[in-house]
Amino acid sequence: MPRIPAALLTFLLLAGAAHGEDYKDGPPAAGQVPAFPGQTRAPAPAVHSAYRIVPVAQGLNHPWSLAWLPDGRMLVTERPGRLRIVSADGTLSPPVSGVPAVAAENTGGLLDVALDPHFRANRLIYLTYLELRDGGTNAISVARGRLAADGAAPALEHVSVILRTGPSTTGGDNVGSRLAFGRDGRLYITLGDRMVLRDQAQSLASDLGKVARIAPDGAIPADNPFAHVAGARPEIFSFGHRNPEGLAFNPATGALWELEHGAKGGDELNVIHPAVNYGWPVITYGIDYSGAKIGIGTQKAGMQQPVYYWDPSIAPSGLAFYTGSLFPAWKGDLFVGALKAQRVVRLTLSGEHVVSEEVLLSELHERIRDVRQGPDGALYVLTDNDAGRILKLVPA
């Protein structure tokens, strides 16, 4: 299998430190033929969306994720390691105390945040982050803690790490790290291949390149597909992923949808099933940054095809199904944030097939790190830069 030359790898890691996922670029890879019609380059919808952009908050340092408290305020993570509460008027709280220390390297740091399904009763929240490990290495961990009732300063109490993934490595690329609770009450976590260890996406002895599934307290569900397989990491739910930065359950069907970065081309949208191999790096619709072929091609028996893919890459991050009433035409549609392509993508679905793709927010010329539906039915986005913003889309 082709490897990234050392000189090129050094360049890419430096580029990653400066620009995140911006090094993903280039024309479509020659000969990457879709496996089925509609798997890529869906047409634009006949009627385009009319919306208005409303600023909500600003001054956030690379905001990564967003979650709503029952009172309408928002929890927002900042990649350097801060968690803030944002009021309806856009006021930012001081950093919440008690948040675990993070290894803020390249695209890693403090990443996703999610509320417990029973937050009103237990006030538990969950965080993913790049944690410093022995020997200067790092790996993704998941922690949970109780958000203290309002007081002089916001605080996270009784914090415990409920999952430490492995192996650890250096740098901060391809960390994945989205969270989603399923109807089964289990917590699902995306884990990237860390770029330099991509072959481990195929190994059940490694958490790299996986979707994991745990109970809210970190226990391993007995029905996890590899819970009783000797030598396998029992938290693994699916494998063969590259850098999955989007995760969302379809509220209409309960199906779990996932987004992941390809290399040079080959960004994927998948529906996740237990024990399924999604192919990376054996099959992919992308090529290596050097231009070399990765793996054996685009298809192999026993490896799952993506529902949809992008080539050239858009660098997808953030995934949300729309169920609100502000935009009736959007109901049931899937929204994708894009970093390199600096846009939000609206995908119209028919079952588990994409039938149209619409580009939104390209006029901002900003990297979009997350996209969420708010309790008011508006679509909220986080812009990814040193002075990141929370914006919302409402009808024009």
Protein backbone atom coordinates (compact mmCIF):
# COMPACT_ATOMS: atom_id res chain seq x y z
CA MET A 1 0.00 0.00 0.00
CA PRO A 2 1.44 3.45 -0.92
CA ARG A 3 2.74 5.43 2.04
CA ILE A 4 3.08 9.19 2.41
CA PRO A 5 6.72 10.17 1.81
CA ALA A 6 8.39 11.60 4.92
CA ALA A 7 9.02 15.03 3.40
CA LEU A 8 5.44 15.31 2.19
CA LEU A 9 4.08 14.11 5.53
CA THR A 10 6.05 16.83 7.35
CA PHE A 11 4.60 19.42 4.99
CA LEU A 12 1.06 18.15 5.52
CA LEU A 13 1.36 18.16 9.28
CA LEU A 14 2.62 21.73 9.20
CA ALA A 15 -0.22 22.66 6.88
CA GLY A 16 -2.64 20.99 9.24
CA ALA A 17 -1.30 23.01 12.15
CA ALA A 18 -1.80 26.25 10.26
CA HIS A 19 -4.97 25.57 8.30
CA GLY A 20 -6.73 22.55 9.75
CA GLU A 21 -8.25 20.55 6.91
CA ASP A 22 -7.45 23.14 4.20
CA TYR A 23 -4.78 21.00 2.55
CA LYS A 24 -7.52 18.79 1.07
CA ASP A 25 -7.76 20.03 -2.50
CA GLY A 26 -7.31 19.14 -6.13
CA PRO A 27 -9.33 18.03 -9.16
CA PRO A 28 -11.46 14.87 -9.21
CA ALA A 29 -9.42 11.69 -9.11
CA ALA A 30 -9.23 10.04 -12.52
CA GLY A 31 -11.25 6.88 -12.92
CA GLN A 32 -13.12 7.04 -9.60
CA VAL A 33 -16.38 5.72 -11.01
CA PRO A 34 -19.41 5.67 -8.64
CA ALA A 35 -20.71 2.26 -7.66
CA PHE A 36 -24.33 3.29 -8.28
CA PRO A 37 -26.24 6.24 -9.82
CA GLY A 38 -26.64 9.25 -7.55
CA GLN A 39 -23.72 8.34 -5.32
CA THR A 40 -22.05 11.70 -6.06
CA ARG A 41 -22.73 15.06 -7.72
CA ALA A 42 -26.47 15.17 -7.18
CA PRO A 43 -28.21 18.00 -9.06
CA ALA A 44 -29.22 21.24 -7.43
CA PRO A 45 -32.88 21.46 -6.35
CA ALA A 46 -35.34 23.16 -8.70
CA VAL A 47 -36.12 25.85 -6.11
CA HIS A 48 -33.34 27.39 -4.06
CA SER A 49 -33.69 28.32 -0.40
CA ALA A 50 -34.33 31.89 0.72
CA TYR A 51 -32.82 32.66 4.11
CA ARG A 52 -31.48 35.47 6.23
CA ILE A 53 -28.31 35.26 8.37
CA VAL A 54 -28.65 36.50 11.95
CA PRO A 55 -25.49 36.91 14.10
CA VAL A 56 -25.88 35.31 17.55
CA ALA A 57 -22.43 35.48 19.20
CA GLN A 58 -18.85 36.26 18.27
CA GLY A 59 -15.33 36.18 19.70
CA LEU A 60 -15.03 32.41 20.04
CA ASN A 61 -11.64 30.79 19.41
CA HIS A 62 -12.24 27.95 16.93
CA PRO A 63 -15.63 26.90 18.29
CA TRP A 64 -16.19 23.20 17.65
CA SER A 65 -19.60 22.13 18.93
CA LEU A 66 -22.90 23.45 20.18
CA ALA A 67 -25.63 22.08 22.48
CA TRP A 68 -28.73 23.70 23.99
CA LEU A 69 -29.59 23.78 27.67
CA PRO A 70 -33.30 23.43 28.54
CA ASP A 71 -33.52 27.18 29.33
CA GLY A 72 -32.46 28.11 25.79
CA ARG A 73 -28.84 28.98 26.53
CA MET A 74 -26.10 27.23 24.59
CA LEU A 75 -23.02 25.26 25.56
CA VAL A 76 -20.15 25.91 23.14
CA THR A 77 -16.72 24.28 23.08
CA GLU A 78 -13.63 26.17 21.96
CA ARG A 79 -10.86 23.98 20.59
CA PRO A 80 -8.04 25.45 22.79
CA GLY A 81 -9.83 23.96 25.82
CA ARG A 82 -12.66 26.23 26.95
CA LEU A 83 -16.35 25.48 27.46
CA ARG A 84 -18.66 28.49 27.56
CA ILE A 85 -22.34 29.17 28.12
CA VAL A 86 -23.88 31.57 25.60
CA SER A 87 -26.97 33.57 26.56
CA ALA A 88 -29.78 34.33 24.15
CA ASP A 89 -28.37 37.84 23.63
CA GLY A 90 -24.97 36.42 22.64
CA THR A 91 -23.20 37.12 25.93
CA LEU A 92 -20.38 34.65 26.60
CA SER A 93 -19.87 33.30 30.10
CA PRO A 94 -16.41 33.01 31.63
CA PRO A 95 -14.88 29.61 30.84
CA VAL A 96 -16.63 26.81 32.72
CA SER A 97 -14.32 25.49 35.45
CA GLY A 98 -13.64 21.78 35.90
CA VAL A 99 -13.20 21.02 32.20
CA PRO A 100 -10.42 18.42 31.67
CA ALA A 101 -7.05 19.67 30.40
CA VAL A 102 -6.65 19.14 26.66
CA ALA A 103 -3.79 18.67 24.22
CA ALA A 104 -4.56 21.52 21.82
CA GLU A 105 -2.60 20.43 18.74
CA ASN A 106 -3.50 21.11 15.11
CA THR A 107 -7.20 20.21 14.80
CA GLY A 108 -7.31 18.52 18.23
CA GLY A 109 -8.27 19.96 21.59
CA LEU A 110 -11.67 20.32 23.28
CA LEU A 111 -14.12 19.01 20.72
CA ASP A 112 -17.71 17.78 21.01
CA VAL A 113 -20.26 18.41 23.75
CA ALA A 114 -23.56 16.60 24.31
CA LEU A 115 -26.24 16.65 26.97
CA ASP A 116 -27.40 13.49 28.68
CA PRO A 117 -30.89 12.44 27.47
CA HIS A 118 -31.99 12.89 31.10
CA PHE A 119 -30.19 16.21 31.62
CA ARG A 120 -33.14 17.88 33.37
CA ALA A 121 -32.88 15.29 36.13
CA ASN A 122 -29.12 14.65 36.33
CA ARG A 123 -27.47 17.72 34.69
CA LEU A 124 -24.81 15.51 33.08
CA ILE A 125 -22.88 16.62 30.01
CA TYR A 126 -20.33 14.72 27.88
CA LEU A 127 -17.15 16.05 26.30
CA THR A 128 -14.66 14.60 23.85
CA TYR A 129 -11.13 15.92 23.80
CA LEU A 130 -7.56 15.15 22.84
CA GLU A 131 -5.92 14.07 26.10
CA LEU A 132 -2.19 14.12 26.82
CA ARG A 133 -0.85 10.62 27.49
CA ASP A 134 2.53 9.15 28.49
CA GLY A 135 5.64 10.12 26.56
CA GLY A 136 4.12 13.25 25.08
CA THR A 137 1.57 11.30 23.04
CA ASN A 138 -2.18 11.94 22.99
CA ALA A 139 -5.48 10.23 22.21
CA ILE A 140 -9.20 10.95 22.28
CA SER A 141 -10.98 10.57 25.61
CA VAL A 142 -14.61 11.01 26.63
CA ALA A 143 -15.48 12.58 29.97
CA ARG A 144 -18.73 13.39 31.70
CA GLY A 145 -19.54 15.74 34.55
CA ARG A 146 -22.39 17.50 36.25
CA LEU A 147 -23.04 21.09 35.21
CA ALA A 148 -23.51 22.95 38.47
CA ALA A 149 -26.62 25.03 38.98
CA ASP A 150 -26.20 28.72 38.23
CA GLY A 151 -23.96 30.52 40.64
CA ALA A 152 -21.22 33.12 40.65
CA ALA A 153 -19.29 31.20 37.99
CA PRO A 154 -20.23 28.21 35.82
CA ALA A 155 -18.61 24.93 36.86
CA LEU A 156 -18.44 21.28 35.87
CA GLU A 157 -18.41 18.96 38.90
CA HIS A 158 -17.72 15.28 39.57
CA VAL A 159 -15.90 14.90 36.26
CA SER A 160 -14.81 11.38 35.28
CA VAL A 161 -13.28 9.89 32.16
CA ILE A 162 -15.65 7.20 30.84
CA LEU A 163 -13.62 6.16 27.77
CA ARG A 164 -9.92 6.39 26.99
CA THR A 165 -9.24 5.29 23.44
CA GLY A 166 -6.00 3.83 22.13
CA PRO A 167 -3.40 3.67 20.88
CA SER A 168 -2.00 7.13 21.47
CA THR A 169 0.23 8.97 19.01
CA THR A 170 1.60 12.46 18.40
CA GLY A 171 0.18 15.44 16.53
CA GLY A 172 -3.47 16.37 16.29
CA ASP A 173 -4.81 15.39 12.87
CA ASN A 174 -7.77 13.20 11.91
CA VAL A 175 -9.20 13.04 15.42
CA GLY A 176 -12.88 12.56 14.52
CA SER A 177 -14.66 12.98 17.87
CA ARG A 178 -18.40 13.55 17.38
CA LEU A 179 -20.98 12.36 19.91
CA ALA A 180 -24.59 11.24 19.49
CA PHE A 181 -27.07 9.50 21.78
CA GLY A 182 -29.27 6.86 20.16
CA ARG A 183 -32.80 5.75 20.90
CA ASP A 184 -31.20 2.83 22.74
CA GLY A 185 -29.74 5.25 25.30
CA ARG A 186 -26.20 4.41 24.20
CA LEU A 187 -23.53 6.99 23.41
CA TYR A 188 -21.89 6.78 19.97
CA ILE A 189 -18.45 8.32 19.37
CA THR A 190 -16.50 8.82 16.12
CA LEU A 191 -12.74 8.24 16.19
CA GLY A 192 -10.33 9.25 13.43
CA ASP A 193 -7.36 7.27 12.09
CA ARG A 194 -4.89 10.02 13.16
CA MET A 195 -3.51 10.13 9.57
CA VAL A 196 -0.14 8.53 10.29
CA LEU A 197 -1.74 5.29 11.55
CA ARG A 198 -4.38 4.87 8.88
CA ASP A 199 -3.90 1.11 8.45
CA GLN A 200 -5.22 0.66 12.00
CA ALA A 201 -8.69 1.61 10.79
CA GLN A 202 -8.91 -2.05 9.71
CA SER A 203 -7.69 -3.45 13.04
CA LEU A 204 -10.19 -4.43 15.74
CA ALA A 205 -7.36 -4.18 18.29
CA SER A 206 -7.29 -0.38 17.77
CA ASP A 207 -9.85 2.37 18.29
CA LEU A 208 -8.47 4.38 15.38
CA GLY A 209 -10.81 4.82 12.43
CA LYS A 210 -13.89 3.57 14.29
CA VAL A 211 -17.35 4.41 15.54
CA ALA A 212 -17.56 3.37 19.20
CA ARG A 213 -20.61 2.64 21.36
CA ILE A 214 -20.76 2.75 25.16
CA ALA A 215 -23.30 3.13 27.95
CA PRO A 216 -23.61 6.63 29.50
CA ASP A 217 -21.40 5.56 32.41
CA GLY A 218 -18.74 4.12 30.09
CA ALA A 219 -19.77 0.47 30.46
CA ILE A 220 -19.58 -1.73 27.37
CA PRO A 221 -23.02 -2.85 26.15
CA ALA A 222 -23.24 -6.65 26.05
CA ASP A 223 -24.69 -6.52 22.53
CA ASN A 224 -21.79 -4.55 21.03
CA PRO A 225 -20.72 -6.49 17.92
CA PHE A 226 -17.16 -7.17 19.11
CA ALA A 227 -17.74 -7.24 22.87
CA HIS A 228 -16.94 -10.96 23.03
CA VAL A 229 -14.30 -11.17 20.29
CA ALA A 230 -10.85 -12.01 21.64
CA GLY A 231 -8.33 -9.24 21.05
CA ALA A 232 -10.93 -6.70 19.86
CA ARG A 233 -11.63 -3.38 21.52
CA PRO A 234 -15.12 -4.05 22.92
CA GLU A 235 -16.37 -0.49 22.38
CA ILE A 236 -16.05 -0.77 18.57
CA PHE A 237 -19.36 -0.56 16.70
CA SER A 238 -18.15 -0.11 13.09
CA PHE A 239 -14.72 0.23 11.48
CA GLY A 240 -12.82 1.25 8.35
CA HIS A 241 -13.33 5.01 8.80
CA ARG A 242 -10.86 7.83 8.12
CA ASN A 243 -11.72 11.07 9.90
CA PRO A 244 -15.41 11.09 10.88
CA GLU A 245 -16.41 14.59 11.99
CA GLY A 246 -20.18 14.38 11.55
CA LEU A 247 -22.68 12.14 13.36
CA ALA A 248 -26.46 12.37 13.63
CA PHE A 249 -29.44 10.10 14.11
CA ASN A 250 -32.31 10.45 11.67
CA PRO A 251 -35.19 11.26 14.05
CA ALA A 252 -37.72 9.75 11.62
CA THR A 253 -36.06 6.34 11.28
CA GLY A 254 -33.51 6.06 14.10
CA ALA A 255 -30.72 5.34 11.56
CA LEU A 256 -27.24 6.61 12.40
CA TRP A 257 -25.63 8.78 9.70
CA GLU A 258 -21.93 9.67 9.63
CA LEU A 259 -19.67 12.06 7.68
CA GLU A 260 -15.95 11.56 7.17
CA HIS A 261 -13.09 13.29 5.44
CA GLY A 262 -11.46 11.46 2.58
CA ALA A 263 -7.86 12.16 1.63
CA LYS A 264 -7.58 14.08 -1.65
CA GLY A 265 -11.18 13.56 -2.69
CA GLY A 266 -13.50 10.88 -1.39
CA ASP A 267 -15.30 12.62 1.49
CA GLU A 268 -18.08 10.23 2.53
CA LEU A 269 -21.64 10.19 3.88
CA ASN A 270 -22.51 6.81 5.42
CA VAL A 271 -25.32 5.06 7.23
CA ILE A 272 -23.71 3.19 10.14
CA HIS A 273 -24.54 -0.44 10.94
CA PRO A 274 -22.97 -2.66 13.62
CA ALA A 275 -19.89 -4.72 12.68
CA VAL A 276 -19.77 -3.26 9.16
CA ASN A 277 -16.43 -2.45 7.50
CA TYR A 278 -16.54 0.90 5.66
CA GLY A 279 -13.35 0.18 3.78
CA TRP A 280 -10.71 2.79 4.65
CA PRO A 281 -7.89 2.59 3.62
CA VAL A 282 -8.48 -0.49 1.45
CA ILE A 283 -11.15 1.20 -0.68
CA THR A 284 -11.74 4.91 -1.16
CA TYR A 285 -12.87 7.42 -3.77
CA GLY A 286 -9.90 9.63 -2.92
CA ILE A 287 -6.19 9.49 -3.67
CA ASP A 288 -3.14 10.24 -1.55
CA TYR A 289 -1.83 13.80 -1.20
CA SER A 290 1.16 12.77 -3.28
CA GLY A 291 -1.20 11.72 -6.07
CA ALA A 292 -0.56 8.02 -5.40
CA LYS A 293 -3.37 5.50 -5.34
CA ILE A 294 -4.64 4.40 -1.93
CA GLY A 295 -5.58 0.77 -1.42
CA ILE A 296 -7.02 -1.38 -4.19
CA GLY A 297 -9.62 0.98 -5.67
CA THR A 298 -13.19 1.97 -4.88
CA GLN A 299 -14.94 -1.36 -4.28
CA LYS A 300 -14.35 -4.69 -2.56
CA ALA A 301 -16.70 -7.47 -1.51
CA GLY A 302 -17.56 -7.24 2.18
CA MET A 303 -16.81 -3.50 2.39
CA GLN A 304 -19.62 -0.96 2.53
CA GLN A 305 -20.11 1.73 -0.11
CA PRO A 306 -20.84 5.29 1.01
CA VAL A 307 -24.36 6.59 0.51
CA TYR A 308 -22.77 9.66 -1.10
CA TYR A 309 -19.30 11.08 -1.65
CA TRP A 310 -17.62 14.33 -2.71
CA ASP A 311 -14.69 14.62 -5.09
CA PRO A 312 -13.09 17.18 -4.93
CA SER A 313 -13.27 17.24 -1.14
CA ILE A 314 -15.40 19.73 0.77
CA ALA A 315 -13.92 18.74 4.20
CA PRO A 316 -17.25 17.95 5.91
CA SER A 317 -17.77 18.67 9.60
CA GLY A 318 -21.07 18.87 11.43
CA LEU A 319 -24.24 17.01 10.47
CA ALA A 320 -27.89 17.69 11.30
CA PHE A 321 -31.34 16.54 10.24
CA TYR A 322 -33.89 19.31 9.99
CA THR A 323 -37.25 18.74 11.69
CA GLY A 324 -38.34 22.32 12.41
CA SER A 325 -41.25 24.39 11.14
CA LEU A 326 -39.45 27.64 10.17
CA PHE A 327 -38.44 26.09 6.83
CA PRO A 328 -41.21 23.63 5.84
CA ALA A 329 -39.41 22.74 2.58
CA TRP A 330 -36.39 21.55 4.59
CA LYS A 331 -38.18 18.96 6.73
CA GLY A 332 -36.34 15.65 6.62
CA ASP A 333 -33.32 17.17 4.84
CA LEU A 334 -29.73 16.65 5.93
CA PHE A 335 -27.37 19.59 6.51
CA VAL A 336 -23.59 19.33 6.25
CA GLY A 337 -21.00 21.86 7.36
CA ALA A 338 -17.93 22.22 5.12
CA LEU A 339 -14.51 23.54 6.12
CA LYS A 340 -12.43 23.71 2.97
CA ALA A 341 -15.44 24.42 0.75
CA GLN A 342 -16.66 27.14 3.18
CA ARG A 343 -20.35 26.39 2.94
CA VAL A 344 -23.31 24.49 4.30
CA VAL A 345 -24.66 21.76 2.05
CA ARG A 346 -28.35 20.87 2.07
CA LEU A 347 -29.01 17.29 0.95
CA THR A 348 -32.53 16.23 -0.01
CA LEU A 349 -33.08 12.53 0.65
CA SER A 350 -35.27 9.79 -0.69
CA GLY A 351 -34.90 7.04 1.88
CA GLU A 352 -31.15 6.55 2.13
CA HIS A 353 -30.33 8.11 -1.24
CA VAL A 354 -29.35 11.72 -1.98
CA VAL A 355 -31.50 13.27 -4.72
CA SER A 356 -30.34 16.91 -4.66
CA GLU A 357 -27.54 19.05 -3.23
CA GLU A 358 -27.88 22.75 -2.53
CA VAL A 359 -25.07 25.12 -1.49
CA LEU A 360 -25.85 27.58 1.31
CA LEU A 361 -23.73 30.27 3.05
CA SER A 362 -20.97 30.29 0.42
CA GLU A 363 -21.30 34.08 0.52
CA LEU A 364 -19.67 34.09 3.98
CA HIS A 365 -16.34 32.69 2.77
CA GLU A 366 -15.88 31.08 6.20
CA ARG A 367 -15.12 27.55 7.32
CA ILE A 368 -18.18 25.90 8.87
CA ARG A 369 -17.31 23.60 11.77
CA ASP A 370 -20.73 22.60 13.05
CA VAL A 371 -24.38 22.82 12.01
CA ARG A 372 -27.31 22.26 14.37
CA GLN A 373 -31.04 22.82 14.50
CA GLY A 374 -32.02 25.04 17.40
CA PRO A 375 -35.10 24.65 19.58
CA ASP A 376 -36.58 27.67 17.77
CA GLY A 377 -36.42 25.84 14.42
CA ALA A 378 -33.59 28.00 13.08
CA LEU A 379 -30.44 26.43 11.63
CA TYR A 380 -27.33 27.36 13.61
CA VAL A 381 -23.72 27.19 12.40
CA LEU A 382 -20.29 27.68 13.97
CA THR A 383 -17.58 29.39 11.95
CA ASP A 384 -14.10 27.98 12.49
CA ASN A 385 -11.45 30.65 12.99
CA ASP A 386 -9.66 32.63 15.70
CA ALA A 387 -12.69 34.90 16.04
CA GLY A 388 -15.39 32.33 15.39
CA ARG A 389 -19.07 33.14 15.40
CA ILE A 390 -22.43 31.55 16.04
CA LEU A 391 -24.85 32.41 13.26
CA LYS A 392 -28.39 31.31 12.59
CA LEU A 393 -30.46 31.02 9.45
CA VAL A 394 -34.08 32.19 9.50
CA PRO A 395 -36.53 32.65 6.63
CA ALA A 396 -35.86 35.66 4.42
